[in-house]
N, C-alpha and C. Protein backbone atom coordinates (compact mmCIF):
# COMPACT_ATOMS: atom_id res chain seq x y z
N MET A 1 -17.23 -2.43 -0.47
CA MET A 1 -18.50 -2.26 -1.15
C MET A 1 -18.25 -2.06 -2.64
N SER A 2 -18.96 -2.78 -3.47
CA SER A 2 -18.81 -2.65 -4.92
C SER A 2 -19.87 -1.69 -5.47
N ILE A 3 -19.69 -1.32 -6.71
CA ILE A 3 -20.66 -0.43 -7.37
C ILE A 3 -22.04 -1.06 -7.36
N ALA A 4 -22.11 -2.36 -7.57
CA ALA A 4 -23.41 -3.05 -7.59
C ALA A 4 -24.14 -2.94 -6.25
N ASP A 5 -23.39 -2.79 -5.16
CA ASP A 5 -24.00 -2.69 -3.83
C ASP A 5 -24.54 -1.29 -3.52
N LEU A 6 -24.18 -0.31 -4.32
CA LEU A 6 -24.63 1.06 -4.05
C LEU A 6 -26.13 1.21 -4.30
N PRO A 7 -26.78 2.11 -3.57
CA PRO A 7 -28.20 2.37 -3.83
C PRO A 7 -28.35 3.10 -5.17
N ASP A 8 -29.55 3.13 -5.71
CA ASP A 8 -29.78 3.79 -7.00
C ASP A 8 -29.52 5.29 -6.93
N PHE A 9 -29.76 5.90 -5.78
CA PHE A 9 -29.49 7.31 -5.57
C PHE A 9 -28.62 7.46 -4.33
N LEU A 10 -27.47 8.13 -4.48
CA LEU A 10 -26.52 8.29 -3.39
C LEU A 10 -26.64 9.67 -2.77
N THR A 11 -26.35 9.75 -1.48
CA THR A 11 -26.25 11.05 -0.84
C THR A 11 -24.96 11.71 -1.33
N VAL A 12 -24.83 12.99 -1.03
CA VAL A 12 -23.61 13.69 -1.42
C VAL A 12 -22.41 13.09 -0.70
N GLU A 13 -22.59 12.73 0.55
CA GLU A 13 -21.50 12.14 1.32
C GLU A 13 -21.07 10.80 0.73
N GLU A 14 -22.04 9.96 0.35
CA GLU A 14 -21.73 8.67 -0.28
C GLU A 14 -21.01 8.89 -1.61
N THR A 15 -21.48 9.87 -2.38
CA THR A 15 -20.85 10.17 -3.66
C THR A 15 -19.40 10.60 -3.47
N ALA A 16 -19.18 11.48 -2.49
CA ALA A 16 -17.82 11.94 -2.21
C ALA A 16 -16.92 10.77 -1.84
N ALA A 17 -17.43 9.86 -1.04
CA ALA A 17 -16.63 8.70 -0.62
C ALA A 17 -16.28 7.81 -1.81
N VAL A 18 -17.25 7.56 -2.68
CA VAL A 18 -17.00 6.70 -3.85
C VAL A 18 -15.99 7.35 -4.79
N LEU A 19 -16.12 8.66 -5.00
CA LEU A 19 -15.22 9.36 -5.92
C LEU A 19 -13.90 9.77 -5.25
N ARG A 20 -13.83 9.55 -3.93
CA ARG A 20 -12.65 9.87 -3.15
C ARG A 20 -12.30 11.35 -3.24
N ILE A 21 -13.35 12.18 -3.08
CA ILE A 21 -13.17 13.62 -3.00
C ILE A 21 -13.83 14.09 -1.71
N GLY A 22 -13.59 15.30 -1.34
CA GLY A 22 -14.19 15.83 -0.13
C GLY A 22 -15.66 16.17 -0.31
N ARG A 23 -16.37 16.24 0.79
CA ARG A 23 -17.80 16.57 0.79
C ARG A 23 -18.02 17.97 0.18
N THR A 24 -17.18 18.92 0.54
CA THR A 24 -17.31 20.28 0.02
C THR A 24 -17.11 20.30 -1.49
N SER A 25 -16.13 19.55 -1.97
CA SER A 25 -15.89 19.47 -3.42
C SER A 25 -17.08 18.84 -4.14
N ALA A 26 -17.67 17.82 -3.54
CA ALA A 26 -18.83 17.17 -4.14
C ALA A 26 -19.99 18.16 -4.25
N TYR A 27 -20.26 18.91 -3.18
CA TYR A 27 -21.32 19.92 -3.24
C TYR A 27 -21.02 20.99 -4.29
N ALA A 28 -19.76 21.39 -4.40
CA ALA A 28 -19.37 22.39 -5.40
C ALA A 28 -19.61 21.87 -6.81
N GLU A 29 -19.29 20.60 -7.06
CA GLU A 29 -19.51 20.02 -8.38
C GLU A 29 -21.00 19.84 -8.69
N ILE A 30 -21.79 19.58 -7.66
CA ILE A 30 -23.24 19.49 -7.86
C ILE A 30 -23.81 20.87 -8.20
N ARG A 31 -23.35 21.91 -7.50
CA ARG A 31 -23.78 23.28 -7.83
C ARG A 31 -23.36 23.63 -9.25
N ARG A 32 -22.17 23.19 -9.63
CA ARG A 32 -21.69 23.44 -11.00
C ARG A 32 -22.61 22.79 -12.02
N TRP A 33 -23.06 21.57 -11.74
CA TRP A 33 -23.99 20.86 -12.62
C TRP A 33 -25.28 21.67 -12.77
N GLU A 34 -25.78 22.18 -11.66
CA GLU A 34 -27.04 22.93 -11.67
C GLU A 34 -26.89 24.27 -12.39
N THR A 35 -25.79 24.98 -12.16
CA THR A 35 -25.62 26.30 -12.76
C THR A 35 -25.26 26.25 -14.24
N THR A 36 -24.67 25.15 -14.68
CA THR A 36 -24.32 25.03 -16.11
C THR A 36 -25.38 24.29 -16.91
N GLY A 37 -26.49 23.98 -16.27
CA GLY A 37 -27.56 23.27 -16.99
C GLY A 37 -27.15 21.86 -17.38
N GLY A 38 -26.26 21.27 -16.63
CA GLY A 38 -25.84 19.90 -16.91
C GLY A 38 -24.65 19.77 -17.83
N ALA A 39 -24.00 20.88 -18.16
CA ALA A 39 -22.85 20.82 -19.06
C ALA A 39 -21.58 20.36 -18.35
N ALA A 40 -21.52 20.56 -17.03
CA ALA A 40 -20.32 20.19 -16.27
C ALA A 40 -20.72 19.89 -14.84
N GLY A 41 -19.88 19.15 -14.15
CA GLY A 41 -20.12 18.85 -12.75
C GLY A 41 -20.68 17.45 -12.52
N ILE A 42 -21.15 17.22 -11.30
CA ILE A 42 -21.71 15.92 -10.93
C ILE A 42 -23.22 15.97 -11.11
N PRO A 43 -23.77 15.11 -11.96
CA PRO A 43 -25.23 15.08 -12.15
C PRO A 43 -25.95 14.79 -10.84
N SER A 44 -27.06 15.48 -10.64
CA SER A 44 -27.80 15.31 -9.40
C SER A 44 -29.28 15.54 -9.63
N VAL A 45 -30.05 15.11 -8.64
CA VAL A 45 -31.50 15.27 -8.65
C VAL A 45 -31.89 15.84 -7.30
N ARG A 46 -32.78 16.80 -7.30
CA ARG A 46 -33.26 17.36 -6.03
C ARG A 46 -34.63 16.78 -5.71
N PHE A 47 -34.78 16.35 -4.47
CA PHE A 47 -36.05 15.89 -3.93
C PHE A 47 -36.34 16.83 -2.77
N GLY A 48 -37.10 17.88 -3.03
CA GLY A 48 -37.30 18.89 -2.00
C GLY A 48 -35.97 19.57 -1.71
N ARG A 49 -35.55 19.53 -0.45
CA ARG A 49 -34.27 20.12 -0.08
C ARG A 49 -33.13 19.12 -0.13
N SER A 50 -33.45 17.87 -0.38
CA SER A 50 -32.42 16.82 -0.44
C SER A 50 -31.83 16.73 -1.84
N VAL A 51 -30.55 16.43 -1.90
CA VAL A 51 -29.85 16.24 -3.17
C VAL A 51 -29.39 14.80 -3.23
N ARG A 52 -29.61 14.16 -4.37
CA ARG A 52 -29.15 12.79 -4.57
C ARG A 52 -28.44 12.71 -5.92
N VAL A 53 -27.48 11.80 -5.98
CA VAL A 53 -26.72 11.57 -7.22
C VAL A 53 -27.09 10.19 -7.73
N PRO A 54 -27.59 10.10 -8.97
CA PRO A 54 -27.93 8.78 -9.52
C PRO A 54 -26.70 7.89 -9.64
N LYS A 55 -26.86 6.63 -9.28
CA LYS A 55 -25.75 5.67 -9.38
C LYS A 55 -25.23 5.60 -10.81
N VAL A 56 -26.09 5.71 -11.79
CA VAL A 56 -25.63 5.64 -13.18
C VAL A 56 -24.65 6.75 -13.50
N ALA A 57 -24.80 7.91 -12.86
CA ALA A 57 -23.85 9.01 -13.07
C ALA A 57 -22.48 8.64 -12.52
N ILE A 58 -22.47 7.97 -11.39
CA ILE A 58 -21.20 7.53 -10.79
C ILE A 58 -20.53 6.48 -11.68
N VAL A 59 -21.32 5.56 -12.19
CA VAL A 59 -20.78 4.53 -13.08
C VAL A 59 -20.14 5.18 -14.30
N ARG A 60 -20.78 6.21 -14.86
CA ARG A 60 -20.22 6.92 -16.02
C ARG A 60 -18.91 7.61 -15.66
N PHE A 61 -18.85 8.21 -14.47
CA PHE A 61 -17.62 8.86 -14.04
C PHE A 61 -16.49 7.86 -13.91
N LEU A 62 -16.79 6.68 -13.41
CA LEU A 62 -15.76 5.68 -13.15
C LEU A 62 -15.35 4.90 -14.39
N ASP A 63 -16.12 4.99 -15.46
CA ASP A 63 -15.78 4.29 -16.70
C ASP A 63 -15.81 5.27 -17.86
N PRO A 64 -14.77 6.09 -18.00
CA PRO A 64 -14.75 7.10 -19.06
C PRO A 64 -14.67 6.51 -20.47
N THR A 65 -14.36 5.22 -20.60
CA THR A 65 -14.28 4.60 -21.92
C THR A 65 -15.65 4.16 -22.42
N ARG A 66 -16.65 4.20 -21.52
CA ARG A 66 -18.00 3.80 -21.90
C ARG A 66 -18.52 4.74 -22.98
N PRO A 67 -19.00 4.20 -24.09
CA PRO A 67 -19.52 5.05 -25.15
C PRO A 67 -20.72 5.86 -24.65
N ARG A 68 -20.78 7.11 -25.06
CA ARG A 68 -21.89 7.97 -24.67
C ARG A 68 -22.90 8.01 -25.78
N SER A 69 -24.17 8.11 -25.41
CA SER A 69 -25.22 8.22 -26.42
C SER A 69 -25.22 9.63 -26.99
N VAL A 70 -25.93 9.84 -28.07
CA VAL A 70 -26.01 11.16 -28.69
C VAL A 70 -26.60 12.16 -27.71
N ASP A 71 -27.63 11.77 -26.96
CA ASP A 71 -28.27 12.66 -25.99
C ASP A 71 -27.31 13.07 -24.89
N GLU A 72 -26.48 12.16 -24.40
CA GLU A 72 -25.54 12.47 -23.33
C GLU A 72 -24.47 13.43 -23.81
N GLY A 73 -24.05 13.31 -25.03
CA GLY A 73 -22.99 14.16 -25.55
C GLY A 73 -23.46 15.53 -25.99
N ALA A 74 -24.78 15.75 -26.01
CA ALA A 74 -25.32 17.02 -26.47
C ALA A 74 -24.84 18.19 -25.63
N HIS A 75 -24.63 17.99 -24.34
CA HIS A 75 -24.19 19.07 -23.47
C HIS A 75 -22.74 19.43 -23.71
N ASP A 76 -21.96 18.54 -24.28
CA ASP A 76 -20.54 18.76 -24.47
C ASP A 76 -20.24 19.54 -25.75
N ALA A 77 -21.24 19.79 -26.57
CA ALA A 77 -21.02 20.43 -27.86
C ALA A 77 -20.57 21.87 -27.74
N ALA A 78 -20.94 22.55 -26.68
CA ALA A 78 -20.64 23.98 -26.54
C ALA A 78 -19.19 24.23 -26.22
């Protein structure tokens, strides 16, 4: 499966598989994203009790050379 084949929003399990990390680690990184206000961790969106990870966040993780916009880098200033 290629990145293009992924859905726009991935489950935590799908995210863990793509990033080749464990499910528990993926949940920990999502909690880190939430507790740091987006400064660190895996970006996520909550839909009720469900957690989803935007595909664009995965693409950014997999391509660290991709230039970041000013808005994206704002969280890294601290």
